[in-house]
Amino acid sequence: MFWIRFRLAAVPIAGLLVSFVMVKFFPLSAAKMADIRTELEARRGAV
């Protein structure tokens, strides 16, 4: 019974840790976000 509970908790925790690492190393700065926003607004208009 312990291993079932362990796996049910470990899989989401592992996914959360992987997502934290991916967000940490994703190259997104304030300047890059502003460039993306400008490009998107040019495509569809201001929000």
N, C-alpha and C. Protein backbone atom coordinates (compact mmCIF):
# COMPACT_ATOMS: atom_id res chain seq x y z
N MET A 1 0.82 -1.19 0.00
CA MET A 1 0.00 0.00 0.00
C MET A 1 0.87 1.26 0.00
N PHE A 2 2.02 1.19 0.67
CA PHE A 2 2.91 2.35 0.73
C PHE A 2 3.39 2.75 -0.66
N TRP A 3 3.75 1.76 -1.48
CA TRP A 3 4.32 2.07 -2.80
C TRP A 3 3.30 2.70 -3.73
N ILE A 4 2.05 2.33 -3.58
CA ILE A 4 1.00 2.96 -4.40
C ILE A 4 0.89 4.43 -4.03
N ARG A 5 0.83 4.73 -2.75
CA ARG A 5 0.76 6.12 -2.31
C ARG A 5 2.02 6.89 -2.69
N PHE A 6 3.16 6.25 -2.57
CA PHE A 6 4.42 6.89 -2.92
C PHE A 6 4.44 7.27 -4.40
N ARG A 7 4.03 6.35 -5.26
CA ARG A 7 4.03 6.64 -6.70
C ARG A 7 3.00 7.71 -7.05
N LEU A 8 1.87 7.67 -6.41
CA LEU A 8 0.84 8.69 -6.69
C LEU A 8 1.31 10.08 -6.27
N ALA A 9 2.18 10.16 -5.30
CA ALA A 9 2.71 11.46 -4.88
C ALA A 9 3.99 11.81 -5.62
N ALA A 10 4.80 10.83 -5.94
CA ALA A 10 6.12 11.09 -6.53
C ALA A 10 6.02 11.58 -7.97
N VAL A 11 5.08 11.07 -8.73
CA VAL A 11 4.98 11.47 -10.14
C VAL A 11 4.64 12.96 -10.27
N PRO A 12 3.62 13.48 -9.59
CA PRO A 12 3.36 14.92 -9.70
C PRO A 12 4.49 15.79 -9.14
N ILE A 13 5.12 15.33 -8.07
CA ILE A 13 6.23 16.10 -7.50
C ILE A 13 7.40 16.15 -8.48
N ALA A 14 7.69 15.03 -9.12
CA ALA A 14 8.77 15.00 -10.12
C ALA A 14 8.43 15.94 -11.29
N GLY A 15 7.20 15.94 -11.73
CA GLY A 15 6.79 16.84 -12.80
C GLY A 15 6.92 18.30 -12.40
N LEU A 16 6.58 18.60 -11.17
CA LEU A 16 6.71 19.97 -10.67
C LEU A 16 8.17 20.40 -10.63
N LEU A 17 9.05 19.52 -10.17
CA LEU A 17 10.47 19.84 -10.12
C LEU A 17 11.05 20.04 -11.53
N VAL A 18 10.65 19.20 -12.46
CA VAL A 18 11.11 19.35 -13.84
C VAL A 18 10.63 20.67 -14.41
N SER A 19 9.39 21.05 -14.13
CA SER A 19 8.88 22.32 -14.66
C SER A 19 9.61 23.50 -14.05
N PHE A 20 9.97 23.44 -12.77
CA PHE A 20 10.74 24.52 -12.14
C PHE A 20 12.10 24.68 -12.82
N VAL A 21 12.75 23.57 -13.11
CA VAL A 21 14.06 23.63 -13.77
C VAL A 21 13.92 24.21 -15.17
N MET A 22 12.89 23.80 -15.89
CA MET A 22 12.70 24.32 -17.24
C MET A 22 12.42 25.82 -17.24
N VAL A 23 11.63 26.29 -16.30
CA VAL A 23 11.34 27.72 -16.21
C VAL A 23 12.59 28.50 -15.81
N LYS A 24 13.38 27.94 -14.94
CA LYS A 24 14.59 28.62 -14.48
C LYS A 24 15.57 28.86 -15.62
N PHE A 25 15.71 27.91 -16.51
CA PHE A 25 16.70 28.01 -17.58
C PHE A 25 16.12 28.51 -18.90
N PHE A 26 14.85 28.89 -18.92
CA PHE A 26 14.25 29.41 -20.15
C PHE A 26 14.70 30.85 -20.34
N PRO A 27 15.30 31.17 -21.49
CA PRO A 27 15.88 32.51 -21.69
C PRO A 27 14.81 33.56 -21.97
N LEU A 28 14.19 34.09 -20.93
CA LEU A 28 13.13 35.07 -21.10
C LEU A 28 13.39 36.23 -20.15
N SER A 29 13.78 37.36 -20.72
CA SER A 29 14.04 38.55 -19.92
C SER A 29 12.91 39.55 -20.14
N ALA A 30 12.96 40.65 -19.42
CA ALA A 30 11.94 41.69 -19.57
C ALA A 30 11.97 42.26 -20.99
N ALA A 31 13.15 42.42 -21.53
CA ALA A 31 13.27 42.95 -22.89
C ALA A 31 12.69 41.97 -23.91
N LYS A 32 12.95 40.70 -23.72
CA LYS A 32 12.43 39.68 -24.64
C LYS A 32 10.90 39.63 -24.55
N MET A 33 10.36 39.73 -23.35
CA MET A 33 8.91 39.73 -23.19
C MET A 33 8.29 40.95 -23.86
N ALA A 34 8.94 42.10 -23.77
CA ALA A 34 8.43 43.31 -24.42
C ALA A 34 8.45 43.14 -25.94
N ASP A 35 9.49 42.53 -26.48
CA ASP A 35 9.56 42.29 -27.92
C ASP A 35 8.42 41.37 -28.38
N ILE A 36 8.19 40.32 -27.62
CA ILE A 36 7.13 39.38 -27.96
C ILE A 36 5.77 40.06 -27.90
N ARG A 37 5.55 40.88 -26.87
CA ARG A 37 4.27 41.59 -26.73
C ARG A 37 4.06 42.56 -27.88
N THR A 38 5.11 43.28 -28.26
CA THR A 38 5.01 44.21 -29.38
C THR A 38 4.65 43.49 -30.67
N GLU A 39 5.29 42.36 -30.89
CA GLU A 39 5.01 41.58 -32.09
C GLU A 39 3.58 41.06 -32.10
N LEU A 40 3.12 40.56 -30.96
CA LEU A 40 1.75 40.04 -30.88
C LEU A 40 0.72 41.15 -31.08
N GLU A 41 0.95 42.31 -30.48
CA GLU A 41 0.02 43.42 -30.63
C GLU A 41 -0.01 43.91 -32.07
N ALA A 42 1.12 43.86 -32.76
CA ALA A 42 1.15 44.25 -34.17
C ALA A 42 0.32 43.28 -35.01
N ARG A 43 0.28 42.02 -34.61
CA ARG A 43 -0.49 41.02 -35.38
C ARG A 43 -1.98 41.18 -35.16
N ARG A 44 -2.41 41.45 -33.92
CA ARG A 44 -3.85 41.40 -33.63
C ARG A 44 -4.41 42.67 -33.01
N GLY A 45 -3.61 43.68 -32.78
CA GLY A 45 -4.10 44.90 -32.15
C GLY A 45 -3.84 44.89 -30.66
N ALA A 46 -3.89 46.04 -30.04
CA ALA A 46 -3.59 46.17 -28.61
C ALA A 46 -4.66 45.48 -27.76
N VAL A 47 -4.25 45.01 -26.61
CA VAL A 47 -5.16 44.34 -25.69
C VAL A 47 -5.70 45.34 -24.72
